[in-house]
N, C-alpha and C. Protein backbone atom coordinates (compact mmCIF):
# COMPACT_ATOMS: atom_id res chain seq x y z
N UNK A 1 237.07 292.20 79.86
CA UNK A 1 235.80 292.73 80.34
C UNK A 1 234.70 292.37 79.36
N UNK A 2 233.70 291.63 79.83
CA UNK A 2 232.56 291.29 78.99
C UNK A 2 231.68 292.53 78.84
N UNK A 3 231.19 292.84 77.64
CA UNK A 3 230.35 294.02 77.48
C UNK A 3 229.24 294.08 78.52
N UNK A 4 229.03 295.25 79.09
CA UNK A 4 228.11 295.39 80.22
C UNK A 4 226.67 295.08 79.83
N UNK A 5 226.33 295.22 78.57
CA UNK A 5 224.96 294.98 78.13
C UNK A 5 224.70 293.53 77.73
N UNK A 6 225.74 292.70 77.70
CA UNK A 6 225.57 291.31 77.28
C UNK A 6 224.86 290.51 78.37
N UNK A 7 223.75 289.87 78.00
CA UNK A 7 222.97 289.04 78.92
C UNK A 7 222.54 287.78 78.18
N UNK A 8 222.03 286.82 78.91
CA UNK A 8 221.59 285.59 78.28
C UNK A 8 220.46 285.82 77.28
N UNK A 9 219.63 286.83 77.51
CA UNK A 9 218.50 287.04 76.62
C UNK A 9 218.86 287.77 75.33
N UNK A 10 220.08 288.30 75.22
CA UNK A 10 220.47 288.96 73.98
C UNK A 10 221.77 288.41 73.41
N UNK A 11 222.16 287.23 73.90
CA UNK A 11 223.44 286.63 73.52
C UNK A 11 223.21 285.21 73.04
N UNK A 12 223.94 284.82 72.00
CA UNK A 12 223.85 283.47 71.44
C UNK A 12 225.26 282.91 71.31
N UNK A 13 225.40 281.63 71.62
CA UNK A 13 226.67 280.93 71.44
C UNK A 13 226.69 280.31 70.05
N UNK A 14 227.71 280.65 69.27
CA UNK A 14 227.87 280.15 67.91
C UNK A 14 229.10 279.24 67.87
N UNK A 15 228.88 277.99 67.48
CA UNK A 15 229.96 277.00 67.43
C UNK A 15 230.21 276.66 65.96
N UNK A 16 231.39 277.00 65.48
CA UNK A 16 231.71 276.89 64.06
C UNK A 16 232.39 275.57 63.73
N UNK A 17 231.74 274.72 62.97
CA UNK A 17 232.35 273.59 62.24
C UNK A 17 233.17 272.62 63.07
N UNK A 18 232.68 272.28 64.25
CA UNK A 18 233.36 271.22 65.02
C UNK A 18 232.80 269.90 64.52
N UNK A 19 233.25 269.52 63.34
CA UNK A 19 232.75 268.36 62.62
C UNK A 19 233.91 267.43 62.30
N UNK A 20 233.58 266.23 61.88
CA UNK A 20 234.60 265.20 61.69
C UNK A 20 235.67 265.61 60.68
N UNK A 21 235.27 266.26 59.59
CA UNK A 21 236.26 266.62 58.57
C UNK A 21 237.23 267.68 59.05
N UNK A 22 236.90 268.35 60.16
CA UNK A 22 237.76 269.40 60.70
C UNK A 22 238.36 269.02 62.06
N UNK A 23 238.17 267.76 62.47
CA UNK A 23 238.63 267.40 63.81
C UNK A 23 239.08 265.95 63.95
N UNK A 24 238.45 265.05 63.24
CA UNK A 24 238.71 263.63 63.46
C UNK A 24 240.00 263.18 62.77
N UNK A 25 240.68 262.26 63.42
CA UNK A 25 241.95 261.74 62.88
C UNK A 25 241.78 261.14 61.49
N UNK A 26 240.61 260.60 61.21
CA UNK A 26 240.34 260.00 59.90
C UNK A 26 240.55 261.00 58.76
N UNK A 27 240.33 262.29 59.05
CA UNK A 27 240.39 263.30 58.00
C UNK A 27 241.69 264.10 58.01
N UNK A 28 242.65 263.68 58.79
CA UNK A 28 243.96 264.32 58.75
C UNK A 28 244.68 263.95 57.45
N UNK A 29 245.62 264.79 57.07
CA UNK A 29 246.40 264.56 55.84
C UNK A 29 247.86 264.86 56.15
N UNK A 30 248.57 263.91 56.74
CA UNK A 30 249.95 264.18 57.16
C UNK A 30 250.86 264.61 56.01
N UNK A 31 250.58 264.16 54.80
CA UNK A 31 251.42 264.56 53.67
C UNK A 31 251.38 266.06 53.43
N UNK A 32 250.27 266.68 53.79
CA UNK A 32 250.16 268.14 53.66
C UNK A 32 250.24 268.83 55.02
N UNK A 33 250.69 268.08 56.02
CA UNK A 33 250.85 268.60 57.38
C UNK A 33 249.53 269.12 57.94
N UNK A 34 248.44 268.42 57.65
CA UNK A 34 247.14 268.76 58.21
C UNK A 34 246.84 267.75 59.32
N UNK A 35 247.00 268.20 60.54
CA UNK A 35 246.75 267.37 61.72
C UNK A 35 245.87 268.16 62.69
N UNK A 36 245.02 267.45 63.42
CA UNK A 36 244.01 268.09 64.26
C UNK A 36 244.20 267.81 65.74
N UNK A 37 245.41 267.52 66.16
CA UNK A 37 245.64 267.18 67.57
C UNK A 37 245.17 268.29 68.50
N UNK A 38 245.52 269.52 68.21
CA UNK A 38 245.17 270.65 69.08
C UNK A 38 243.65 270.87 69.09
N UNK A 39 243.00 270.62 67.99
CA UNK A 39 241.55 270.74 67.95
C UNK A 39 240.91 269.70 68.87
N UNK A 40 241.37 268.47 68.77
CA UNK A 40 240.80 267.40 69.61
C UNK A 40 241.07 267.66 71.09
N UNK A 41 242.19 268.28 71.41
CA UNK A 41 242.47 268.62 72.80
C UNK A 41 241.53 269.70 73.32
N UNK A 42 241.07 270.58 72.43
CA UNK A 42 240.18 271.67 72.82
C UNK A 42 238.73 271.23 72.97
N UNK A 43 238.30 270.21 72.23
CA UNK A 43 236.89 269.86 72.15
C UNK A 43 236.25 269.54 73.51
N UNK A 44 236.89 268.78 74.41
CA UNK A 44 236.23 268.54 75.70
C UNK A 44 235.92 269.81 76.48
N UNK A 45 236.81 270.79 76.42
CA UNK A 45 236.55 272.07 77.10
C UNK A 45 235.39 272.80 76.45
N UNK A 46 235.31 272.75 75.13
CA UNK A 46 234.20 273.38 74.42
C UNK A 46 232.89 272.68 74.78
N UNK A 47 232.89 271.35 74.81
CA UNK A 47 231.67 270.62 75.15
C UNK A 47 231.19 270.97 76.56
N UNK A 48 232.13 271.09 77.50
CA UNK A 48 231.75 271.46 78.87
C UNK A 48 231.20 272.86 78.92
N UNK A 49 231.79 273.78 78.17
CA UNK A 49 231.30 275.16 78.12
C UNK A 49 229.89 275.20 77.55
N UNK A 50 229.65 274.48 76.48
CA UNK A 50 228.33 274.45 75.87
C UNK A 50 227.28 273.96 76.87
N UNK A 51 227.60 272.90 77.58
CA UNK A 51 226.66 272.35 78.56
C UNK A 51 226.37 273.36 79.67
N UNK A 52 227.41 274.00 80.17
CA UNK A 52 227.23 275.00 81.24
C UNK A 52 226.42 276.19 80.73
N UNK A 53 226.69 276.62 79.53
CA UNK A 53 225.97 277.75 78.94
C UNK A 53 224.49 277.43 78.79
N UNK A 54 224.18 276.24 78.33
CA UNK A 54 222.78 275.86 78.17
C UNK A 54 222.08 275.72 79.53
N UNK A 55 222.80 275.23 80.53
CA UNK A 55 222.21 275.11 81.86
C UNK A 55 221.84 276.47 82.43
N UNK A 56 222.57 277.49 82.05
CA UNK A 56 222.22 278.85 82.47
C UNK A 56 220.99 279.38 81.75
N UNK A 57 220.61 278.69 80.66
CA UNK A 57 219.50 279.15 79.83
C UNK A 57 219.93 279.75 78.52
N UNK A 58 221.21 279.58 78.18
CA UNK A 58 221.73 280.15 76.94
C UNK A 58 221.32 279.37 75.71
N UNK A 59 221.30 280.06 74.59
CA UNK A 59 220.91 279.47 73.31
C UNK A 59 222.15 279.21 72.47
N UNK A 60 222.11 278.08 71.72
CA UNK A 60 223.28 277.63 70.98
C UNK A 60 222.93 277.41 69.52
N UNK A 61 223.81 277.87 68.64
CA UNK A 61 223.73 277.58 67.21
C UNK A 61 225.01 276.85 66.80
N UNK A 62 224.84 275.75 66.07
CA UNK A 62 225.96 275.00 65.54
C UNK A 62 225.99 275.15 64.02
N UNK A 63 227.18 275.28 63.46
CA UNK A 63 227.29 275.21 62.01
C UNK A 63 228.06 273.96 61.62
N UNK A 64 227.61 273.37 60.52
CA UNK A 64 228.35 272.35 59.81
C UNK A 64 228.51 272.85 58.38
N UNK A 65 229.01 272.02 57.51
CA UNK A 65 229.15 272.42 56.12
C UNK A 65 228.30 271.53 55.24
N UNK A 66 227.99 272.03 54.05
CA UNK A 66 227.46 271.15 53.02
C UNK A 66 228.57 270.16 52.66
N UNK A 67 228.26 269.06 51.98
CA UNK A 67 229.34 268.20 51.51
C UNK A 67 230.35 269.02 50.69
N UNK A 68 231.62 268.91 51.07
CA UNK A 68 232.63 269.77 50.46
C UNK A 68 233.06 269.17 49.12
N UNK A 69 232.11 269.23 48.18
CA UNK A 69 232.30 268.71 46.83
C UNK A 69 231.81 269.76 45.84
N UNK A 70 232.32 269.66 44.63
CA UNK A 70 232.11 270.73 43.65
C UNK A 70 230.65 271.09 43.45
N UNK A 71 229.78 270.11 43.38
CA UNK A 71 228.38 270.41 43.04
C UNK A 71 227.63 271.14 44.15
N UNK A 72 228.17 271.16 45.35
CA UNK A 72 227.50 271.82 46.47
C UNK A 72 228.07 273.21 46.78
N UNK A 73 229.17 273.56 46.15
CA UNK A 73 229.90 274.78 46.54
C UNK A 73 229.71 275.90 45.54
N UNK A 74 229.85 277.16 45.99
CA UNK A 74 229.66 278.29 45.09
C UNK A 74 230.81 278.41 44.08
N UNK A 75 230.56 279.19 43.04
CA UNK A 75 231.51 279.30 41.94
C UNK A 75 232.87 279.83 42.38
N UNK A 76 232.88 280.78 43.33
CA UNK A 76 234.17 281.37 43.69
C UNK A 76 235.08 280.36 44.39
N UNK A 77 234.50 279.48 45.22
CA UNK A 77 235.32 278.45 45.85
C UNK A 77 235.78 277.43 44.82
N UNK A 78 234.89 277.02 43.92
CA UNK A 78 235.30 276.07 42.89
C UNK A 78 236.38 276.64 41.98
N UNK A 79 236.29 277.91 41.66
CA UNK A 79 237.34 278.53 40.83
C UNK A 79 238.67 278.53 41.57
N UNK A 80 238.63 278.86 42.85
CA UNK A 80 239.85 278.84 43.66
C UNK A 80 240.46 277.43 43.67
N UNK A 81 239.62 276.42 43.86
CA UNK A 81 240.12 275.05 43.92
C UNK A 81 240.72 274.61 42.58
N UNK A 82 240.14 275.07 41.48
CA UNK A 82 240.67 274.68 40.18
C UNK A 82 242.08 275.21 39.95
N UNK A 83 242.42 276.32 40.59
CA UNK A 83 243.72 276.94 40.36
C UNK A 83 244.70 276.73 41.51
N UNK A 84 244.30 276.00 42.53
CA UNK A 84 245.17 275.77 43.67
C UNK A 84 245.46 274.27 43.78
N UNK A 85 246.68 273.86 43.45
CA UNK A 85 246.98 272.42 43.48
C UNK A 85 246.94 271.84 44.89
N UNK A 86 246.99 272.69 45.94
CA UNK A 86 246.93 272.20 47.31
C UNK A 86 245.49 271.99 47.79
N UNK A 87 244.54 272.56 47.09
CA UNK A 87 243.14 272.45 47.51
C UNK A 87 242.55 271.13 47.02
N UNK A 88 241.65 270.57 47.81
CA UNK A 88 240.98 269.35 47.36
C UNK A 88 239.61 269.23 48.01
N UNK A 89 238.72 268.60 47.26
CA UNK A 89 237.39 268.31 47.77
C UNK A 89 237.45 267.02 48.59
N UNK A 90 236.45 266.84 49.46
CA UNK A 90 236.26 265.53 50.08
C UNK A 90 235.55 264.67 49.07
N UNK A 91 236.10 263.51 48.76
CA UNK A 91 235.50 262.66 47.73
C UNK A 91 235.16 261.30 48.33
N UNK A 92 234.18 260.66 47.75
CA UNK A 92 233.82 259.31 48.15
C UNK A 92 233.03 259.23 49.45
N UNK A 93 232.65 260.36 50.01
CA UNK A 93 231.91 260.35 51.27
C UNK A 93 230.43 260.57 50.97
N UNK A 94 229.72 259.48 50.73
CA UNK A 94 228.31 259.60 50.34
C UNK A 94 227.37 259.50 51.53
N UNK A 95 227.89 259.19 52.71
CA UNK A 95 227.04 259.01 53.89
C UNK A 95 226.94 260.26 54.75
N UNK A 96 227.64 261.33 54.38
CA UNK A 96 227.58 262.54 55.17
C UNK A 96 228.38 262.48 56.46
N UNK A 97 229.29 261.52 56.57
CA UNK A 97 230.07 261.37 57.79
C UNK A 97 230.94 262.59 58.06
N UNK A 98 231.50 263.18 57.01
CA UNK A 98 232.42 264.31 57.17
C UNK A 98 231.76 265.49 57.85
N UNK A 99 230.45 265.64 57.67
CA UNK A 99 229.74 266.81 58.18
C UNK A 99 229.13 266.58 59.56
N UNK A 100 229.33 265.40 60.13
CA UNK A 100 228.76 265.10 61.45
C UNK A 100 229.57 265.77 62.56
N UNK A 101 228.89 266.18 63.62
CA UNK A 101 229.57 266.85 64.72
C UNK A 101 230.48 265.87 65.46
N UNK A 102 231.52 266.43 66.04
CA UNK A 102 232.59 265.62 66.61
C UNK A 102 232.82 266.00 68.08
N UNK A 103 232.27 265.21 69.00
CA UNK A 103 232.59 265.37 70.40
C UNK A 103 231.89 266.48 71.14
N UNK A 104 230.87 267.09 70.54
CA UNK A 104 230.15 268.18 71.20
C UNK A 104 228.68 267.83 71.34
N UNK A 105 228.00 268.36 72.36
CA UNK A 105 226.56 268.08 72.51
C UNK A 105 225.75 268.83 71.47
N UNK A 106 224.69 268.21 71.01
CA UNK A 106 223.84 268.83 70.00
C UNK A 106 222.41 269.05 70.47
N UNK A 107 222.01 268.44 71.58
CA UNK A 107 220.63 268.58 72.06
C UNK A 107 220.30 270.05 72.34
N UNK A 108 219.17 270.48 71.83
CA UNK A 108 218.69 271.83 72.09
C UNK A 108 219.33 272.90 71.24
N UNK A 109 220.25 272.52 70.36
CA UNK A 109 220.94 273.51 69.53
C UNK A 109 220.27 273.60 68.16
N UNK A 110 220.29 274.79 67.58
CA UNK A 110 219.88 274.97 66.19
C UNK A 110 221.08 274.69 65.30
N UNK A 111 220.84 274.03 64.18
CA UNK A 111 221.93 273.59 63.29
C UNK A 111 221.72 274.18 61.90
N UNK A 112 222.80 274.73 61.35
CA UNK A 112 222.76 275.29 60.00
C UNK A 112 223.98 274.83 59.23
N UNK A 113 223.78 274.46 57.97
CA UNK A 113 224.88 274.07 57.09
C UNK A 113 225.24 275.25 56.20
N UNK A 114 226.54 275.47 56.03
CA UNK A 114 226.99 276.59 55.20
C UNK A 114 227.81 276.07 54.02
N UNK A 115 227.79 276.83 52.94
CA UNK A 115 228.51 276.44 51.73
C UNK A 115 229.69 277.37 51.46
N UNK A 116 230.05 278.17 52.45
CA UNK A 116 231.20 279.04 52.32
C UNK A 116 231.85 279.16 53.69
N UNK A 117 232.88 279.97 53.80
CA UNK A 117 233.62 280.07 55.05
C UNK A 117 232.83 280.83 56.11
N UNK A 118 232.18 281.90 55.71
CA UNK A 118 231.45 282.79 56.61
C UNK A 118 230.07 282.22 56.90
N UNK A 119 229.77 281.95 58.18
CA UNK A 119 228.46 281.40 58.54
C UNK A 119 227.32 282.35 58.17
N UNK A 120 227.60 283.64 58.08
CA UNK A 120 226.56 284.61 57.79
C UNK A 120 226.15 284.63 56.32
N UNK A 121 226.76 283.79 55.50
CA UNK A 121 226.26 283.61 54.14
C UNK A 121 225.00 282.76 54.12
N UNK A 122 224.70 282.09 55.23
CA UNK A 122 223.46 281.33 55.34
C UNK A 122 222.36 282.25 55.88
N UNK A 123 221.45 282.63 55.03
CA UNK A 123 220.42 283.59 55.42
C UNK A 123 219.45 283.01 56.44
N UNK A 124 219.28 281.70 56.46
CA UNK A 124 218.43 281.10 57.49
C UNK A 124 219.04 281.30 58.87
N UNK A 125 220.36 281.20 58.97
CA UNK A 125 221.03 281.46 60.24
C UNK A 125 220.83 282.92 60.66
N UNK A 126 220.96 283.82 59.72
CA UNK A 126 220.77 285.25 60.02
C UNK A 126 219.36 285.50 60.51
N UNK A 127 218.37 284.88 59.87
CA UNK A 127 216.98 285.05 60.30
C UNK A 127 216.77 284.48 61.70
N UNK A 128 217.42 283.36 62.00
CA UNK A 128 217.29 282.77 63.33
C UNK A 128 217.85 283.71 64.39
N UNK A 129 218.97 284.33 64.11
CA UNK A 129 219.54 285.29 65.06
C UNK A 129 218.61 286.48 65.26
N UNK A 130 217.98 286.92 64.19
CA UNK A 130 217.03 288.02 64.30
C UNK A 130 215.83 287.63 65.16
N UNK A 131 215.34 286.41 64.97
CA UNK A 131 214.21 285.94 65.77
C UNK A 131 214.58 285.79 67.24
N UNK A 132 215.85 285.48 67.50
CA UNK A 132 216.33 285.36 68.87
C UNK A 132 216.65 286.72 69.50
N UNK A 133 216.51 287.79 68.70
CA UNK A 133 216.88 289.13 69.16
C UNK A 133 218.32 289.16 69.66
N UNK A 134 219.20 288.48 68.92
CA UNK A 134 220.60 288.40 69.32
C UNK A 134 221.33 289.70 69.01
N UNK A 135 222.03 290.21 69.99
CA UNK A 135 222.88 291.39 69.83
C UNK A 135 224.35 291.00 69.94
N UNK A 136 224.63 290.09 70.86
CA UNK A 136 226.00 289.62 71.10
C UNK A 136 226.12 288.16 70.68
N UNK A 137 227.26 287.83 70.08
CA UNK A 137 227.52 286.46 69.67
C UNK A 137 228.83 285.99 70.31
N UNK A 138 228.73 284.93 71.08
CA UNK A 138 229.93 284.27 71.60
C UNK A 138 230.40 283.31 70.51
N UNK A 139 231.61 283.47 70.03
CA UNK A 139 232.07 282.63 68.92
C UNK A 139 233.13 281.66 69.41
N UNK A 140 233.00 280.41 68.94
CA UNK A 140 233.92 279.33 69.26
C UNK A 140 234.06 278.46 68.01
N UNK A 141 235.01 277.53 68.03
CA UNK A 141 235.06 276.53 66.97
C UNK A 141 236.35 276.51 66.18
N UNK A 142 236.25 276.03 64.94
CA UNK A 142 237.41 275.86 64.05
C UNK A 142 237.03 276.29 62.63
N UNK A 143 237.99 276.65 61.85
CA UNK A 143 239.40 276.92 62.14
C UNK A 143 239.55 278.40 62.48
N UNK A 144 240.37 278.71 63.50
CA UNK A 144 240.50 280.10 63.92
C UNK A 144 240.96 281.02 62.80
N UNK A 145 241.84 280.53 61.95
CA UNK A 145 242.36 281.34 60.85
C UNK A 145 241.59 281.14 59.56
N UNK A 146 240.46 280.45 59.64
CA UNK A 146 239.66 280.18 58.46
C UNK A 146 238.22 280.59 58.66
N UNK A 147 237.34 279.61 58.91
CA UNK A 147 235.91 279.91 58.98
C UNK A 147 235.54 280.75 60.20
N UNK A 148 236.25 280.59 61.31
CA UNK A 148 235.96 281.46 62.46
C UNK A 148 236.28 282.90 62.12
N UNK A 149 237.45 283.14 61.55
CA UNK A 149 237.84 284.49 61.14
C UNK A 149 236.83 285.07 60.15
N UNK A 150 236.47 284.29 59.12
CA UNK A 150 235.52 284.79 58.12
C UNK A 150 234.17 285.11 58.74
N UNK A 151 233.72 284.29 59.69
CA UNK A 151 232.43 284.52 60.34
C UNK A 151 232.46 285.76 61.21
N UNK A 152 233.55 285.96 61.94
CA UNK A 152 233.66 287.17 62.75
C UNK A 152 233.60 288.41 61.85
N UNK A 153 234.34 288.39 60.76
CA UNK A 153 234.34 289.54 59.85
C UNK A 153 232.95 289.75 59.25
N UNK A 154 232.32 288.66 58.81
CA UNK A 154 231.01 288.78 58.19
C UNK A 154 229.94 289.24 59.16
N UNK A 155 229.95 288.70 60.37
CA UNK A 155 228.96 289.10 61.36
C UNK A 155 229.15 290.51 61.86
N UNK A 156 230.40 290.91 62.02
CA UNK A 156 230.67 292.27 62.46
C UNK A 156 230.18 293.28 61.43
N UNK A 157 230.35 292.95 60.16
CA UNK A 157 229.88 293.84 59.10
C UNK A 157 228.36 293.97 59.09
N UNK A 158 227.67 292.99 59.64
CA UNK A 158 226.21 293.04 59.74
C UNK A 158 225.75 293.73 61.03
N UNK A 159 226.67 294.15 61.87
CA UNK A 159 226.32 294.90 63.06
C UNK A 159 226.31 294.12 64.35
N UNK A 160 226.68 292.84 64.31
CA UNK A 160 226.71 292.05 65.54
C UNK A 160 227.94 292.37 66.37
N UNK A 161 227.79 292.23 67.68
CA UNK A 161 228.90 292.42 68.61
C UNK A 161 229.42 291.03 68.99
N UNK A 162 230.73 290.90 69.04
CA UNK A 162 231.31 289.59 69.30
C UNK A 162 231.99 289.52 70.66
N UNK A 163 231.80 288.37 71.29
CA UNK A 163 232.57 287.98 72.47
C UNK A 163 233.31 286.72 72.04
N UNK A 164 234.62 286.79 71.98
CA UNK A 164 235.43 285.76 71.36
C UNK A 164 236.08 284.91 72.45
N UNK A 165 235.68 283.63 72.52
CA UNK A 165 236.21 282.71 73.54
C UNK A 165 237.53 282.14 73.03
N UNK A 166 238.62 282.81 73.36
CA UNK A 166 239.88 282.50 72.69
C UNK A 166 240.42 281.12 73.00
N UNK A 167 240.08 280.53 74.14
CA UNK A 167 240.56 279.20 74.46
C UNK A 167 239.68 278.10 73.86
N UNK A 168 238.60 278.47 73.20
CA UNK A 168 237.71 277.51 72.57
C UNK A 168 237.67 277.68 71.06
N UNK A 169 238.76 278.23 70.53
CA UNK A 169 238.94 278.38 69.09
C UNK A 169 240.29 277.75 68.75
N UNK A 170 240.30 276.87 67.75
CA UNK A 170 241.54 276.21 67.38
C UNK A 170 241.67 276.07 65.87
N UNK A 171 242.90 275.70 65.46
CA UNK A 171 243.17 275.42 64.05
C UNK A 171 244.07 274.20 63.98
N UNK A 172 244.55 273.89 62.80
CA UNK A 172 245.40 272.72 62.62
C UNK A 172 246.71 272.90 63.38
N UNK A 173 247.46 271.80 63.49
CA UNK A 173 248.71 271.83 64.25
C UNK A 173 249.83 272.59 63.54
N UNK A 174 249.66 272.89 62.27
CA UNK A 174 250.70 273.55 61.47
C UNK A 174 251.24 274.79 62.19
N UNK A 175 252.56 274.90 62.28
CA UNK A 175 253.19 275.96 63.07
C UNK A 175 252.83 277.35 62.55
N UNK A 176 252.77 277.53 61.24
CA UNK A 176 252.45 278.85 60.69
C UNK A 176 251.00 279.22 60.97
N UNK A 177 250.11 278.26 60.87
CA UNK A 177 248.71 278.55 61.17
C UNK A 177 248.51 278.83 62.65
N UNK A 178 249.23 278.11 63.49
CA UNK A 178 249.16 278.39 64.92
C UNK A 178 249.68 279.79 65.23
N UNK A 179 250.74 280.21 64.56
CA UNK A 179 251.29 281.55 64.79
C UNK A 179 250.29 282.62 64.35
N UNK A 180 249.65 282.40 63.20
CA UNK A 180 248.64 283.36 62.73
C UNK A 180 247.48 283.43 63.72
N UNK A 181 247.04 282.29 64.21
CA UNK A 181 245.94 282.29 65.16
C UNK A 181 246.30 283.03 66.45
N UNK A 182 247.54 282.86 66.92
CA UNK A 182 247.96 283.61 68.12
C UNK A 182 247.89 285.11 67.87
N UNK A 183 248.24 285.54 66.66
CA UNK A 183 248.16 286.97 66.33
C UNK A 183 246.70 287.43 66.33
N UNK A 184 245.83 286.61 65.76
CA UNK A 184 244.41 286.98 65.74
C UNK A 184 243.87 287.13 67.15
N UNK A 185 244.18 286.17 68.01
CA UNK A 185 243.66 286.20 69.38
C UNK A 185 244.29 287.30 70.22
N UNK A 186 245.57 287.54 70.00
CA UNK A 186 246.28 288.49 70.85
C UNK A 186 246.23 289.92 70.36
N UNK A 187 245.99 290.12 69.08
CA UNK A 187 246.09 291.48 68.54
C UNK A 187 244.86 291.88 67.71
N UNK A 188 244.61 291.15 66.61
CA UNK A 188 243.61 291.62 65.64
C UNK A 188 242.19 291.60 66.20
N UNK A 189 241.77 290.47 66.76
CA UNK A 189 240.38 290.38 67.23
C UNK A 189 240.06 291.36 68.35
N UNK A 190 240.86 291.43 69.41
CA UNK A 190 240.50 292.39 70.47
C UNK A 190 240.59 293.83 70.01
N UNK A 191 241.45 294.11 69.03
CA UNK A 191 241.59 295.48 68.54
C UNK A 191 240.44 295.89 67.64
N UNK A 192 239.95 294.93 66.82
CA UNK A 192 239.02 295.30 65.76
C UNK A 192 237.62 294.70 65.86
N UNK A 193 237.46 293.58 66.59
CA UNK A 193 236.20 292.85 66.47
C UNK A 193 235.46 292.55 67.77
N UNK A 194 236.11 292.58 68.90
CA UNK A 194 235.35 292.33 70.11
C UNK A 194 236.17 291.81 71.26
N UNK A 195 235.55 291.77 72.41
CA UNK A 195 236.18 291.25 73.62
C UNK A 195 236.69 289.84 73.36
N UNK A 196 237.96 289.60 73.67
CA UNK A 196 238.59 288.31 73.42
C UNK A 196 239.16 287.79 74.73
N UNK A 197 238.47 286.81 75.33
CA UNK A 197 238.79 286.37 76.69
C UNK A 197 238.63 284.86 76.80
N UNK A 198 239.06 284.30 77.94
CA UNK A 198 238.84 282.89 78.22
C UNK A 198 237.37 282.64 78.52
N UNK A 199 236.94 281.43 78.19
CA UNK A 199 235.53 281.07 78.31
C UNK A 199 235.02 281.17 79.74
N UNK A 200 235.86 280.88 80.73
CA UNK A 200 235.40 280.92 82.11
C UNK A 200 234.93 282.31 82.51
N UNK A 201 235.56 283.35 81.98
CA UNK A 201 235.14 284.71 82.29
C UNK A 201 233.79 285.04 81.67
N UNK A 202 233.52 284.45 80.51
CA UNK A 202 232.22 284.67 79.86
C UNK A 202 231.11 284.05 80.69
N UNK A 203 231.30 282.81 81.09
CA UNK A 203 230.29 282.14 81.90
C UNK A 203 230.05 282.86 83.22
N UNK A 204 231.13 283.26 83.86
CA UNK A 204 231.00 283.92 85.17
C UNK A 204 230.20 285.20 85.04
N UNK A 205 230.49 286.00 84.02
CA UNK A 205 229.80 287.27 83.84
C UNK A 205 228.32 287.06 83.55
N UNK A 206 228.01 286.13 82.65
CA UNK A 206 226.61 285.90 82.30
C UNK A 206 225.84 285.29 83.45
N UNK A 207 226.47 284.41 84.21
CA UNK A 207 225.80 283.82 85.38
C UNK A 207 225.48 284.89 86.40
N UNK A 208 226.42 285.79 86.66
CA UNK A 208 226.19 286.86 87.62
C UNK A 208 225.05 287.78 87.18
N UNK A 209 225.03 288.12 85.91
CA UNK A 209 223.99 289.00 85.42
C UNK A 209 222.62 288.32 85.45
N UNK A 210 222.63 287.00 85.22
CA UNK A 210 221.38 286.26 85.30
C UNK A 210 220.82 286.28 86.71
N UNK A 211 221.69 286.14 87.71
CA UNK A 211 221.24 286.18 89.11
C UNK A 211 220.74 287.57 89.48
N UNK A 212 221.41 288.60 88.95
CA UNK A 212 221.02 289.96 89.27
C UNK A 212 219.63 290.31 88.76
N UNK A 213 219.18 289.61 87.68
CA UNK A 213 217.89 289.92 87.08
C UNK A 213 216.74 289.15 87.71
N UNK A 214 217.09 288.20 88.57
CA UNK A 214 216.04 287.40 89.23
C UNK A 214 215.33 288.24 90.30
């Protein structure tokens, strides 16, 4: 059930980090079992949803990341990376290719770069939501067990209401990460953070409410 007060004029679609470093085959790391097949399978459905949402008159915010290198990141992430042998920066990418969007439309969307997992650490994004008078946030993107989770937690703590498009959120192919994401979608998010449904139900509800207001 989509919240009864959610309408196009108080709702924003937030797309988290559908960028090359989080989706493109070039940035996979099979030695560490980092593969993005499931993400790439999800992207066409997300792109279609974004287009349909905008055609209804909906507003879209996209997040990318700063270059994931030490000089651009906050101290707490750099400290974590120094002590985690599995963590690594993207190196040698001076053209910004890693941060480019991957397979999704960008026309008409506001774009913000973040230097941490939670999109709400970017105060310009927060100000944009305030200017849009956003009350509800439809969240989509990657990684479900990483930046999407952190953004949901951060935004909820700021008082935002979430509508979570569970079929438009993905993570790496890793079996343990997939299992964690299934738990988030099936248990944690609907219990603690907001309506968690398929994207088609979100579009249908908002379209109906838009017609009712005409």
